[in-house]
Amino acid sequence: MPLLGPIDITRAIEMIVILLIAIDVHELAHAFVADRLGDSTPRRMGELSLNPLVHMDQVGVMLLVLTSIASWGFTYGRTHVTPTNLKFGPQRGNAIVAIAGPLSNLALAAVIGIVLKLVYSGTFNLSDSAIGFLILALGINILLFVINLLPIPPLDGFSVLGGFLSARQMYSLAPLQQWGPMIILLLFILDPLGIITAIVDPAIRGISNILCSGCFAA
């Protein structure tokens, strides 16, 4: 079976636009909260910005384009934070900064869900293509919220978990940071035991039903 089937350019462009906005807002949320908690690093790096190129390097942009063409839609963003500068200590402060990113995607999904509910209630009309775009945007932002909360480095969930652990416990988990990216690749690409599917799918369905019941069946 070929890895790359017929290319849907329209779909690819939609995914690129959605992911650029979603990741940009996600990283800006990290930068803004870090700045508010006393770390000037994001401000000095120019990351208090909605310019997506500030939050993505060339590899990230290339991944975004190539995987969107392949209908996967995978990439990453980055925000420079110095945890020792944060209020509440490096672990708890970093946990607050980390949770801000996924919550921003949940907030985006909630806004999109409200718009879709207004459309389905007949309050105003949108074309079928616009509705399809919004449904895709809703799903991607919910996916980013759920995936980023998994406690695997370098995902945000690992830093969030660190806010509940002692310094010694975090030190014992330090080796995991080296292997985290490889673990993520194995889980998401191969998912040999169906672990990711078993965890992520129910969460996505549950949040989707809360924000816009029936949107994905429409």
N, C-alpha and C. Protein backbone atom coordinates (compact mmCIF):
# COMPACT_ATOMS: atom_id res chain seq x y z
N MET A 1 0.85 -1.20 0.00
CA MET A 1 0.00 0.00 0.00
C MET A 1 0.88 1.24 0.00
N PRO A 2 0.70 2.16 -0.92
CA PRO A 2 1.54 3.35 -0.97
C PRO A 2 1.29 4.25 0.23
N LEU A 3 2.36 4.89 0.71
CA LEU A 3 2.23 5.80 1.85
C LEU A 3 1.55 7.09 1.45
N LEU A 4 1.68 7.47 0.18
CA LEU A 4 1.12 8.73 -0.28
C LEU A 4 0.14 8.47 -1.41
N GLY A 5 -1.14 8.67 -1.12
CA GLY A 5 -2.17 8.46 -2.12
C GLY A 5 -2.38 9.72 -2.94
N PRO A 6 -3.54 9.83 -3.58
CA PRO A 6 -3.86 11.03 -4.35
C PRO A 6 -3.78 12.27 -3.46
N ILE A 7 -3.15 13.30 -3.96
CA ILE A 7 -2.94 14.53 -3.19
C ILE A 7 -4.14 15.45 -3.33
N ASP A 8 -4.70 15.85 -2.20
CA ASP A 8 -5.80 16.80 -2.17
C ASP A 8 -5.21 18.16 -1.77
N ILE A 9 -4.93 19.00 -2.76
CA ILE A 9 -4.26 20.27 -2.50
C ILE A 9 -5.09 21.17 -1.58
N THR A 10 -6.41 21.19 -1.82
CA THR A 10 -7.28 22.04 -0.99
C THR A 10 -7.21 21.62 0.47
N ARG A 11 -7.29 20.31 0.69
CA ARG A 11 -7.20 19.80 2.06
C ARG A 11 -5.85 20.12 2.69
N ALA A 12 -4.79 19.97 1.90
CA ALA A 12 -3.45 20.25 2.41
C ALA A 12 -3.31 21.71 2.82
N ILE A 13 -3.82 22.62 1.99
CA ILE A 13 -3.74 24.05 2.31
C ILE A 13 -4.54 24.36 3.57
N GLU A 14 -5.71 23.73 3.71
CA GLU A 14 -6.52 23.93 4.91
C GLU A 14 -5.77 23.49 6.16
N MET A 15 -5.12 22.32 6.08
CA MET A 15 -4.38 21.81 7.24
C MET A 15 -3.20 22.71 7.58
N ILE A 16 -2.52 23.23 6.55
CA ILE A 16 -1.39 24.13 6.79
C ILE A 16 -1.85 25.40 7.49
N VAL A 17 -2.94 25.99 7.01
CA VAL A 17 -3.46 27.21 7.61
C VAL A 17 -3.89 26.97 9.06
N ILE A 18 -4.63 25.89 9.28
CA ILE A 18 -5.13 25.58 10.62
C ILE A 18 -3.98 25.33 11.59
N LEU A 19 -3.01 24.53 11.17
CA LEU A 19 -1.89 24.20 12.05
C LEU A 19 -1.01 25.42 12.31
N LEU A 20 -0.82 26.27 11.31
CA LEU A 20 -0.05 27.49 11.54
C LEU A 20 -0.69 28.35 12.62
N ILE A 21 -2.01 28.51 12.53
CA ILE A 21 -2.72 29.32 13.53
C ILE A 21 -2.70 28.63 14.89
N ALA A 22 -3.00 27.34 14.91
CA ALA A 22 -3.09 26.60 16.17
C ALA A 22 -1.76 26.58 16.91
N ILE A 23 -0.68 26.31 16.18
CA ILE A 23 0.63 26.23 16.82
C ILE A 23 1.13 27.62 17.20
N ASP A 24 0.82 28.61 16.37
CA ASP A 24 1.22 29.98 16.67
C ASP A 24 0.57 30.46 17.97
N VAL A 25 -0.73 30.24 18.10
CA VAL A 25 -1.44 30.63 19.32
C VAL A 25 -0.93 29.84 20.52
N HIS A 26 -0.68 28.56 20.31
CA HIS A 26 -0.16 27.68 21.36
C HIS A 26 1.17 28.21 21.90
N GLU A 27 2.10 28.51 21.01
CA GLU A 27 3.42 28.99 21.44
C GLU A 27 3.35 30.40 22.02
N LEU A 28 2.48 31.24 21.46
CA LEU A 28 2.31 32.58 22.02
C LEU A 28 1.79 32.50 23.45
N ALA A 29 0.91 31.55 23.71
CA ALA A 29 0.39 31.37 25.07
C ALA A 29 1.52 31.01 26.03
N HIS A 30 2.42 30.11 25.61
CA HIS A 30 3.59 29.80 26.43
C HIS A 30 4.40 31.06 26.71
N ALA A 31 4.68 31.81 25.64
CA ALA A 31 5.53 33.00 25.77
C ALA A 31 4.88 34.05 26.67
N PHE A 32 3.60 34.28 26.49
CA PHE A 32 2.90 35.30 27.27
C PHE A 32 2.89 34.95 28.75
N VAL A 33 2.56 33.69 29.07
CA VAL A 33 2.50 33.29 30.48
C VAL A 33 3.89 33.33 31.11
N ALA A 34 4.90 32.88 30.37
CA ALA A 34 6.27 32.94 30.90
C ALA A 34 6.67 34.38 31.19
N ASP A 35 6.32 35.29 30.28
CA ASP A 35 6.62 36.70 30.48
C ASP A 35 5.92 37.25 31.71
N ARG A 36 4.66 36.87 31.89
CA ARG A 36 3.89 37.33 33.05
C ARG A 36 4.42 36.75 34.36
N LEU A 37 5.08 35.59 34.27
CA LEU A 37 5.62 34.96 35.48
C LEU A 37 7.06 35.39 35.75
N GLY A 38 7.54 36.39 35.01
CA GLY A 38 8.83 36.97 35.34
C GLY A 38 9.99 36.56 34.47
N ASP A 39 9.77 35.73 33.46
CA ASP A 39 10.86 35.32 32.59
C ASP A 39 10.85 36.18 31.32
N SER A 40 11.87 36.97 31.14
CA SER A 40 11.93 37.87 29.99
C SER A 40 12.49 37.20 28.74
N THR A 41 12.84 35.92 28.84
CA THR A 41 13.45 35.23 27.70
C THR A 41 12.58 35.29 26.44
N PRO A 42 11.28 34.93 26.50
CA PRO A 42 10.47 35.01 25.28
C PRO A 42 10.41 36.41 24.70
N ARG A 43 10.36 37.44 25.56
CA ARG A 43 10.31 38.82 25.07
C ARG A 43 11.61 39.17 24.37
N ARG A 44 12.74 38.78 24.96
CA ARG A 44 14.04 39.08 24.35
C ARG A 44 14.24 38.34 23.03
N MET A 45 13.61 37.15 22.92
CA MET A 45 13.72 36.35 21.70
C MET A 45 12.69 36.76 20.65
N GLY A 46 11.87 37.77 20.97
CA GLY A 46 10.86 38.22 20.02
C GLY A 46 9.70 37.27 19.85
N GLU A 47 9.44 36.44 20.86
CA GLU A 47 8.42 35.41 20.74
C GLU A 47 7.04 35.84 21.24
N LEU A 48 6.93 37.07 21.72
CA LEU A 48 5.61 37.61 22.05
C LEU A 48 5.00 38.16 20.77
N SER A 49 4.76 37.27 19.84
CA SER A 49 4.36 37.66 18.50
C SER A 49 3.42 36.61 17.91
N LEU A 50 2.56 37.05 16.99
CA LEU A 50 1.69 36.13 16.26
C LEU A 50 2.28 35.74 14.91
N ASN A 51 3.52 36.10 14.69
CA ASN A 51 4.22 35.68 13.48
C ASN A 51 4.62 34.22 13.63
N PRO A 52 4.04 33.32 12.83
CA PRO A 52 4.34 31.89 13.00
C PRO A 52 5.80 31.55 12.76
N LEU A 53 6.51 32.34 11.95
CA LEU A 53 7.91 32.05 11.67
C LEU A 53 8.80 32.31 12.89
N VAL A 54 8.27 33.05 13.86
CA VAL A 54 9.00 33.26 15.11
C VAL A 54 9.00 31.98 15.94
N HIS A 55 7.94 31.22 15.83
CA HIS A 55 7.76 30.04 16.68
C HIS A 55 8.11 28.72 15.98
N MET A 56 8.49 28.78 14.70
CA MET A 56 8.82 27.57 13.96
C MET A 56 10.14 27.75 13.23
N ASP A 57 10.97 26.70 13.22
CA ASP A 57 12.19 26.77 12.43
C ASP A 57 11.95 26.18 11.05
N GLN A 58 12.98 26.13 10.22
CA GLN A 58 12.84 25.67 8.85
C GLN A 58 12.40 24.21 8.77
N VAL A 59 12.91 23.39 9.69
CA VAL A 59 12.53 21.98 9.70
C VAL A 59 11.04 21.84 10.03
N GLY A 60 10.58 22.64 11.00
CA GLY A 60 9.17 22.59 11.36
C GLY A 60 8.26 22.99 10.21
N VAL A 61 8.67 24.03 9.47
CA VAL A 61 7.87 24.47 8.33
C VAL A 61 7.86 23.40 7.25
N MET A 62 9.02 22.78 7.00
CA MET A 62 9.10 21.73 6.00
C MET A 62 8.22 20.53 6.37
N LEU A 63 8.28 20.15 7.65
CA LEU A 63 7.44 19.05 8.12
C LEU A 63 5.96 19.38 7.94
N LEU A 64 5.60 20.61 8.25
CA LEU A 64 4.21 21.03 8.13
C LEU A 64 3.72 20.87 6.70
N VAL A 65 4.50 21.35 5.75
CA VAL A 65 4.09 21.29 4.34
C VAL A 65 4.03 19.86 3.85
N LEU A 66 5.07 19.09 4.10
CA LEU A 66 5.14 17.73 3.58
C LEU A 66 4.09 16.82 4.20
N THR A 67 3.91 16.92 5.51
CA THR A 67 2.94 16.04 6.16
C THR A 67 1.50 16.46 5.88
N SER A 68 1.29 17.74 5.62
CA SER A 68 -0.06 18.18 5.26
C SER A 68 -0.42 17.67 3.86
N ILE A 69 0.54 17.66 2.96
CA ILE A 69 0.31 17.10 1.63
C ILE A 69 -0.03 15.62 1.74
N ALA A 70 0.62 14.95 2.69
CA ALA A 70 0.36 13.52 2.90
C ALA A 70 -0.85 13.27 3.79
N SER A 71 -1.56 14.37 4.17
CA SER A 71 -2.78 14.30 5.01
C SER A 71 -2.50 13.86 6.43
N TRP A 72 -1.24 13.99 6.91
CA TRP A 72 -0.94 13.68 8.30
C TRP A 72 -1.07 14.93 9.16
N GLY A 73 -0.47 16.03 8.67
CA GLY A 73 -0.53 17.28 9.41
C GLY A 73 0.28 17.26 10.69
N PHE A 74 1.61 17.09 10.55
CA PHE A 74 2.47 17.02 11.74
C PHE A 74 3.55 18.10 11.66
N THR A 75 3.80 18.77 12.76
CA THR A 75 4.91 19.70 12.87
C THR A 75 5.11 20.04 14.34
N TYR A 76 5.90 21.06 14.64
CA TYR A 76 6.14 21.45 16.02
C TYR A 76 6.46 22.94 16.07
N GLY A 77 6.35 23.50 17.26
CA GLY A 77 6.73 24.88 17.50
C GLY A 77 7.67 24.94 18.69
N ARG A 78 8.15 26.13 19.00
CA ARG A 78 9.09 26.24 20.12
C ARG A 78 8.97 27.61 20.77
N THR A 79 9.18 27.64 22.07
CA THR A 79 9.24 28.88 22.83
C THR A 79 10.39 28.75 23.81
N HIS A 80 11.24 29.76 23.87
CA HIS A 80 12.40 29.72 24.77
C HIS A 80 12.00 30.24 26.15
N VAL A 81 12.13 29.37 27.13
CA VAL A 81 11.78 29.72 28.51
C VAL A 81 12.94 29.33 29.42
N THR A 82 13.23 30.19 30.39
CA THR A 82 14.23 29.89 31.40
C THR A 82 13.50 29.63 32.72
N PRO A 83 13.27 28.36 33.07
CA PRO A 83 12.44 28.02 34.23
C PRO A 83 12.91 28.65 35.54
N THR A 84 14.22 28.82 35.70
CA THR A 84 14.72 29.38 36.96
C THR A 84 14.31 30.84 37.15
N ASN A 85 13.86 31.50 36.09
CA ASN A 85 13.40 32.89 36.20
C ASN A 85 11.94 33.00 36.60
N LEU A 86 11.22 31.88 36.59
CA LEU A 86 9.78 31.91 36.77
C LEU A 86 9.38 32.00 38.24
N LYS A 87 8.28 32.72 38.48
CA LYS A 87 7.69 32.73 39.81
C LYS A 87 7.21 31.32 40.16
N PHE A 88 7.08 31.03 41.44
CA PHE A 88 6.60 29.76 41.97
C PHE A 88 7.63 28.64 41.80
N GLY A 89 8.85 28.96 41.39
CA GLY A 89 9.88 27.95 41.26
C GLY A 89 9.92 27.37 39.86
N PRO A 90 11.05 26.78 39.47
CA PRO A 90 11.21 26.29 38.10
C PRO A 90 10.22 25.20 37.71
N GLN A 91 9.89 24.29 38.63
CA GLN A 91 8.99 23.20 38.25
C GLN A 91 7.54 23.65 38.18
N ARG A 92 7.05 24.30 39.22
CA ARG A 92 5.66 24.74 39.21
C ARG A 92 5.45 25.87 38.20
N GLY A 93 6.41 26.77 38.12
CA GLY A 93 6.30 27.84 37.13
C GLY A 93 6.28 27.29 35.72
N ASN A 94 7.16 26.32 35.45
CA ASN A 94 7.22 25.72 34.13
C ASN A 94 5.94 24.94 33.81
N ALA A 95 5.34 24.35 34.85
CA ALA A 95 4.08 23.62 34.65
C ALA A 95 2.97 24.57 34.22
N ILE A 96 2.94 25.77 34.83
CA ILE A 96 1.93 26.76 34.47
C ILE A 96 2.13 27.24 33.03
N VAL A 97 3.39 27.48 32.68
CA VAL A 97 3.71 27.89 31.31
C VAL A 97 3.31 26.78 30.33
N ALA A 98 3.60 25.54 30.70
CA ALA A 98 3.31 24.40 29.81
C ALA A 98 1.82 24.23 29.57
N ILE A 99 1.01 24.31 30.61
CA ILE A 99 -0.43 24.08 30.47
C ILE A 99 -1.10 25.16 29.64
N ALA A 100 -0.49 26.34 29.57
CA ALA A 100 -1.08 27.44 28.81
C ALA A 100 -1.22 27.10 27.33
N GLY A 101 -0.26 26.36 26.78
CA GLY A 101 -0.30 26.02 25.36
C GLY A 101 -1.51 25.17 24.99
N PRO A 102 -1.67 23.99 25.62
CA PRO A 102 -2.84 23.16 25.33
C PRO A 102 -4.16 23.87 25.62
N LEU A 103 -4.20 24.66 26.70
CA LEU A 103 -5.44 25.38 27.02
C LEU A 103 -5.80 26.39 25.93
N SER A 104 -4.79 26.96 25.28
CA SER A 104 -5.08 27.91 24.20
C SER A 104 -5.74 27.18 23.02
N ASN A 105 -5.32 25.94 22.76
CA ASN A 105 -5.94 25.15 21.69
C ASN A 105 -7.37 24.76 22.06
N LEU A 106 -7.58 24.47 23.34
CA LEU A 106 -8.94 24.16 23.80
C LEU A 106 -9.83 25.39 23.66
N ALA A 107 -9.28 26.56 23.97
CA ALA A 107 -10.05 27.80 23.83
C ALA A 107 -10.41 28.06 22.37
N LEU A 108 -9.45 27.84 21.46
CA LEU A 108 -9.74 27.98 20.04
C LEU A 108 -10.84 27.03 19.61
N ALA A 109 -10.75 25.78 20.08
CA ALA A 109 -11.77 24.79 19.74
C ALA A 109 -13.14 25.21 20.27
N ALA A 110 -13.17 25.78 21.47
CA ALA A 110 -14.44 26.22 22.05
C ALA A 110 -15.07 27.33 21.22
N VAL A 111 -14.25 28.28 20.76
CA VAL A 111 -14.76 29.37 19.93
C VAL A 111 -15.30 28.82 18.61
N ILE A 112 -14.56 27.90 18.01
CA ILE A 112 -15.01 27.29 16.75
C ILE A 112 -16.31 26.52 16.98
N GLY A 113 -16.39 25.83 18.12
CA GLY A 113 -17.61 25.08 18.44
C GLY A 113 -18.82 25.99 18.56
N ILE A 114 -18.63 27.16 19.15
CA ILE A 114 -19.73 28.13 19.27
C ILE A 114 -20.19 28.59 17.89
N VAL A 115 -19.24 28.88 17.02
CA VAL A 115 -19.58 29.31 15.65
C VAL A 115 -20.36 28.21 14.94
N LEU A 116 -19.91 26.98 15.06
CA LEU A 116 -20.60 25.88 14.38
C LEU A 116 -22.00 25.66 14.94
N LYS A 117 -22.15 25.81 16.24
CA LYS A 117 -23.48 25.67 16.83
C LYS A 117 -24.42 26.74 16.29
N LEU A 118 -23.92 27.97 16.13
CA LEU A 118 -24.74 29.04 15.57
C LEU A 118 -25.12 28.74 14.13
N VAL A 119 -24.20 28.14 13.39
CA VAL A 119 -24.51 27.77 12.01
C VAL A 119 -25.57 26.69 11.97
N TYR A 120 -25.41 25.66 12.79
CA TYR A 120 -26.36 24.55 12.77
C TYR A 120 -27.73 24.95 13.33
N SER A 121 -27.75 25.98 14.17
CA SER A 121 -29.04 26.45 14.70
C SER A 121 -29.75 27.38 13.72
N GLY A 122 -29.07 27.73 12.64
CA GLY A 122 -29.67 28.59 11.63
C GLY A 122 -29.50 30.07 11.90
N THR A 123 -28.68 30.42 12.91
CA THR A 123 -28.47 31.84 13.22
C THR A 123 -27.82 32.57 12.05
N PHE A 124 -26.86 31.93 11.40
CA PHE A 124 -26.32 32.47 10.16
C PHE A 124 -25.82 31.32 9.29
N ASN A 125 -25.58 31.62 8.04
CA ASN A 125 -25.24 30.59 7.06
C ASN A 125 -23.77 30.65 6.65
N LEU A 126 -23.22 29.49 6.40
CA LEU A 126 -21.88 29.38 5.83
C LEU A 126 -21.93 28.34 4.72
N SER A 127 -21.02 28.45 3.79
CA SER A 127 -20.94 27.46 2.72
C SER A 127 -20.49 26.12 3.29
N ASP A 128 -20.75 25.06 2.55
CA ASP A 128 -20.34 23.72 2.99
C ASP A 128 -18.82 23.64 3.16
N SER A 129 -18.08 24.30 2.28
CA SER A 129 -16.62 24.27 2.37
C SER A 129 -16.13 24.99 3.63
N ALA A 130 -16.79 26.09 3.99
CA ALA A 130 -16.41 26.83 5.19
C ALA A 130 -16.72 26.01 6.44
N ILE A 131 -17.87 25.33 6.42
CA ILE A 131 -18.23 24.47 7.55
C ILE A 131 -17.23 23.34 7.68
N GLY A 132 -16.85 22.74 6.55
CA GLY A 132 -15.86 21.66 6.58
C GLY A 132 -14.53 22.13 7.14
N PHE A 133 -14.13 23.35 6.77
CA PHE A 133 -12.89 23.93 7.28
C PHE A 133 -12.96 24.10 8.80
N LEU A 134 -14.08 24.61 9.29
CA LEU A 134 -14.23 24.82 10.73
C LEU A 134 -14.25 23.50 11.50
N ILE A 135 -14.89 22.48 10.93
CA ILE A 135 -14.92 21.17 11.58
C ILE A 135 -13.51 20.59 11.66
N LEU A 136 -12.74 20.75 10.58
CA LEU A 136 -11.35 20.28 10.59
C LEU A 136 -10.54 21.06 11.63
N ALA A 137 -10.75 22.37 11.70
CA ALA A 137 -10.03 23.20 12.68
C ALA A 137 -10.40 22.80 14.11
N LEU A 138 -11.67 22.51 14.32
CA LEU A 138 -12.13 22.06 15.64
C LEU A 138 -11.42 20.78 16.03
N GLY A 139 -11.40 19.80 15.12
CA GLY A 139 -10.78 18.52 15.41
C GLY A 139 -9.29 18.63 15.66
N ILE A 140 -8.59 19.43 14.87
CA ILE A 140 -7.15 19.57 15.03
C ILE A 140 -6.80 20.23 16.36
N ASN A 141 -7.54 21.26 16.74
CA ASN A 141 -7.26 21.93 18.02
C ASN A 141 -7.55 21.03 19.21
N ILE A 142 -8.61 20.23 19.12
CA ILE A 142 -8.88 19.27 20.20
C ILE A 142 -7.78 18.23 20.25
N LEU A 143 -7.34 17.78 19.08
CA LEU A 143 -6.25 16.80 19.02
C LEU A 143 -4.98 17.36 19.65
N LEU A 144 -4.65 18.61 19.33
CA LEU A 144 -3.45 19.23 19.91
C LEU A 144 -3.58 19.37 21.42
N PHE A 145 -4.76 19.70 21.90
CA PHE A 145 -4.99 19.80 23.35
C PHE A 145 -4.73 18.47 24.04
N VAL A 146 -5.30 17.42 23.49
CA VAL A 146 -5.19 16.10 24.12
C VAL A 146 -3.77 15.55 24.02
N ILE A 147 -3.21 15.59 22.81
CA ILE A 147 -1.87 15.02 22.59
C ILE A 147 -0.83 15.71 23.45
N ASN A 148 -0.90 17.04 23.53
CA ASN A 148 0.13 17.77 24.26
C ASN A 148 0.07 17.56 25.77
N LEU A 149 -1.03 17.01 26.26
CA LEU A 149 -1.12 16.74 27.70
C LEU A 149 -0.60 15.36 28.09
N LEU A 150 -0.19 14.57 27.10
CA LEU A 150 0.41 13.27 27.43
C LEU A 150 1.74 13.52 28.14
N PRO A 151 2.00 12.82 29.26
CA PRO A 151 3.21 13.10 30.07
C PRO A 151 4.47 12.46 29.51
N ILE A 152 4.77 12.79 28.24
CA ILE A 152 5.97 12.27 27.58
C ILE A 152 6.77 13.45 27.07
N PRO A 153 8.05 13.58 27.48
CA PRO A 153 8.85 14.69 26.96
C PRO A 153 9.09 14.52 25.45
N PRO A 154 9.10 15.60 24.70
CA PRO A 154 9.05 17.01 25.11
C PRO A 154 7.64 17.60 25.09
N LEU A 155 6.60 16.78 25.16
CA LEU A 155 5.23 17.29 25.17
C LEU A 155 4.97 18.07 26.46
N ASP A 156 4.01 18.99 26.40
CA ASP A 156 3.73 19.85 27.55
C ASP A 156 3.30 19.07 28.78
N GLY A 157 2.67 17.93 28.56
CA GLY A 157 2.18 17.14 29.69
C GLY A 157 3.28 16.71 30.64
N PHE A 158 4.49 16.53 30.13
CA PHE A 158 5.61 16.14 30.99
C PHE A 158 5.96 17.27 31.94
N SER A 159 5.97 18.50 31.43
CA SER A 159 6.26 19.66 32.30
C SER A 159 5.12 19.89 33.29
N VAL A 160 3.88 19.65 32.84
CA VAL A 160 2.74 19.78 33.75
C VAL A 160 2.86 18.77 34.88
N LEU A 161 3.23 17.53 34.53
CA LEU A 161 3.44 16.50 35.55
C LEU A 161 4.52 16.93 36.53
N GLY A 162 5.56 17.59 36.02
CA GLY A 162 6.65 18.04 36.88
C GLY A 162 6.21 19.01 37.96
N GLY A 163 5.10 19.71 37.73
CA GLY A 163 4.60 20.63 38.73
C GLY A 163 4.05 19.94 39.96
N PHE A 164 3.81 18.63 39.86
CA PHE A 164 3.26 17.86 40.97
C PHE A 164 4.29 16.94 41.60
N LEU A 165 5.52 16.97 41.08
CA LEU A 165 6.57 16.09 41.58
C LEU A 165 7.64 16.87 42.32
N SER A 166 8.39 16.17 43.14
CA SER A 166 9.52 16.80 43.83
C SER A 166 10.70 16.89 42.89
N ALA A 167 11.69 17.69 43.28
CA ALA A 167 12.89 17.83 42.47
C ALA A 167 13.59 16.47 42.30
N ARG A 168 13.58 15.67 43.36
CA ARG A 168 14.22 14.35 43.27
C ARG A 168 13.48 13.44 42.30
N GLN A 169 12.17 13.48 42.35
CA GLN A 169 11.39 12.66 41.42
C GLN A 169 11.61 13.08 39.97
N MET A 170 11.69 14.39 39.73
CA MET A 170 11.96 14.87 38.37
C MET A 170 13.36 14.46 37.92
N TYR A 171 14.30 14.48 38.85
CA TYR A 171 15.67 14.06 38.51
C TYR A 171 15.70 12.60 38.09
N SER A 172 14.89 11.78 38.78
CA SER A 172 14.86 10.36 38.43
C SER A 172 14.25 10.12 37.05
N LEU A 173 13.45 11.08 36.59
CA LEU A 173 12.83 10.94 35.27
C LEU A 173 13.66 11.60 34.16
N ALA A 174 14.80 12.19 34.55
CA ALA A 174 15.63 12.90 33.58
C ALA A 174 16.02 12.04 32.37
N PRO A 175 16.39 10.76 32.57
CA PRO A 175 16.75 9.93 31.39
C PRO A 175 15.62 9.82 30.37
N LEU A 176 14.38 9.94 30.83
CA LEU A 176 13.24 9.84 29.93
C LEU A 176 13.24 10.96 28.89
N GLN A 177 13.82 12.11 29.26
CA GLN A 177 13.84 13.24 28.34
C GLN A 177 14.69 12.95 27.11
N GLN A 178 15.72 12.12 27.30
CA GLN A 178 16.58 11.76 26.18
C GLN A 178 15.85 10.87 25.17
N TRP A 179 15.01 9.98 25.70
CA TRP A 179 14.33 9.01 24.85
C TRP A 179 12.91 9.42 24.50
N GLY A 180 12.45 10.55 25.05
CA GLY A 180 11.08 10.98 24.82
C GLY A 180 10.68 11.09 23.36
N PRO A 181 11.47 11.80 22.53
CA PRO A 181 11.10 11.92 21.12
C PRO A 181 10.99 10.58 20.41
N MET A 182 11.89 9.64 20.74
CA MET A 182 11.83 8.32 20.12
C MET A 182 10.58 7.57 20.57
N ILE A 183 10.24 7.70 21.86
CA ILE A 183 9.03 7.05 22.37
C ILE A 183 7.80 7.59 21.66
N ILE A 184 7.76 8.92 21.45
CA ILE A 184 6.63 9.53 20.77
C ILE A 184 6.50 9.01 19.35
N LEU A 185 7.63 8.92 18.64
CA LEU A 185 7.60 8.41 17.27
C LEU A 185 7.07 6.98 17.22
N LEU A 186 7.55 6.14 18.14
CA LEU A 186 7.12 4.75 18.16
C LEU A 186 5.64 4.63 18.49
N LEU A 187 5.19 5.43 19.46
CA LEU A 187 3.79 5.35 19.86
C LEU A 187 2.85 5.86 18.80
N PHE A 188 3.21 6.98 18.18
CA PHE A 188 2.29 7.61 17.25
C PHE A 188 2.35 7.00 15.85
N ILE A 189 3.52 6.55 15.45
CA ILE A 189 3.64 5.97 14.12
C ILE A 189 3.27 4.49 14.12
N LEU A 190 3.76 3.77 15.11
CA LEU A 190 3.49 2.33 15.17
C LEU A 190 2.32 1.99 16.09
N ASP A 191 2.31 2.63 17.28
CA ASP A 191 1.28 2.37 18.30
C ASP A 191 1.02 0.86 18.41
N PRO A 192 2.06 0.08 18.73
CA PRO A 192 1.95 -1.38 18.67
C PRO A 192 0.88 -1.97 19.57
N LEU A 193 0.64 -1.36 20.70
CA LEU A 193 -0.35 -1.92 21.64
C LEU A 193 -1.68 -1.17 21.61
N GLY A 194 -1.79 -0.20 20.72
CA GLY A 194 -3.02 0.57 20.65
C GLY A 194 -3.21 1.50 21.83
N ILE A 195 -2.09 1.84 22.51
CA ILE A 195 -2.18 2.66 23.72
C ILE A 195 -2.69 4.06 23.41
N ILE A 196 -2.08 4.69 22.40
CA ILE A 196 -2.45 6.06 22.06
C ILE A 196 -3.91 6.13 21.61
N THR A 197 -4.29 5.17 20.78
CA THR A 197 -5.67 5.14 20.31
C THR A 197 -6.64 5.00 21.47
N ALA A 198 -6.32 4.11 22.42
CA ALA A 198 -7.20 3.86 23.56
C ALA A 198 -7.33 5.07 24.47
N ILE A 199 -6.28 5.88 24.54
CA ILE A 199 -6.30 7.06 25.42
C ILE A 199 -6.85 8.28 24.70
N VAL A 200 -6.34 8.51 23.50
CA VAL A 200 -6.64 9.76 22.80
C VAL A 200 -8.03 9.78 22.19
N ASP A 201 -8.44 8.71 21.52
CA ASP A 201 -9.73 8.71 20.82
C ASP A 201 -10.92 9.02 21.72
N PRO A 202 -11.05 8.35 22.88
CA PRO A 202 -12.20 8.67 23.75
C PRO A 202 -12.17 10.11 24.25
N ALA A 203 -10.97 10.63 24.53
CA ALA A 203 -10.85 12.01 25.01
C ALA A 203 -11.30 12.98 23.92
N ILE A 204 -10.86 12.73 22.69
CA ILE A 204 -11.23 13.62 21.58
C ILE A 204 -12.73 13.56 21.34
N ARG A 205 -13.31 12.36 21.36
CA ARG A 205 -14.75 12.22 21.14
C ARG A 205 -15.54 12.92 22.24
N GLY A 206 -15.09 12.76 23.49
CA GLY A 206 -15.80 13.38 24.60
C GLY A 206 -15.77 14.90 24.54
N ILE A 207 -14.60 15.46 24.26
CA ILE A 207 -14.48 16.92 24.17
C ILE A 207 -15.26 17.44 22.98
N SER A 208 -15.20 16.72 21.86
CA SER A 208 -15.94 17.12 20.66
C SER A 208 -17.43 17.18 20.93
N ASN A 209 -17.94 16.20 21.64
CA ASN A 209 -19.38 16.17 21.95
C ASN A 209 -19.78 17.31 22.87
N ILE A 210 -18.89 17.70 23.76
CA ILE A 210 -19.17 18.80 24.67
C ILE A 210 -19.18 20.13 23.92
N LEU A 211 -18.18 20.33 23.08
CA LEU A 211 -18.05 21.62 22.39
C LEU A 211 -19.00 21.77 21.22
N CYS A 212 -19.28 20.68 20.53
CA CYS A 212 -20.17 20.78 19.37
C CYS A 212 -20.73 19.40 19.06
N SER A 213 -21.69 18.99 19.82
CA SER A 213 -22.32 17.68 19.61
C SER A 213 -22.91 17.58 18.21
N GLY A 214 -22.53 16.55 17.49
CA GLY A 214 -23.06 16.34 16.16
C GLY A 214 -22.23 16.94 15.05
N CYS A 215 -21.19 17.76 15.38
CA CYS A 215 -20.41 18.40 14.34
C CYS A 215 -19.70 17.39 13.45
N PHE A 216 -19.18 16.33 14.05
CA PHE A 216 -18.40 15.38 13.27
C PHE A 216 -19.26 14.33 12.59
N ALA A 217 -20.55 14.36 12.89
CA ALA A 217 -21.48 13.46 12.21
C ALA A 217 -22.21 14.18 11.10
N ALA A 218 -21.97 15.52 11.04
CA ALA A 218 -22.67 16.34 10.06
C ALA A 218 -22.11 16.12 8.67
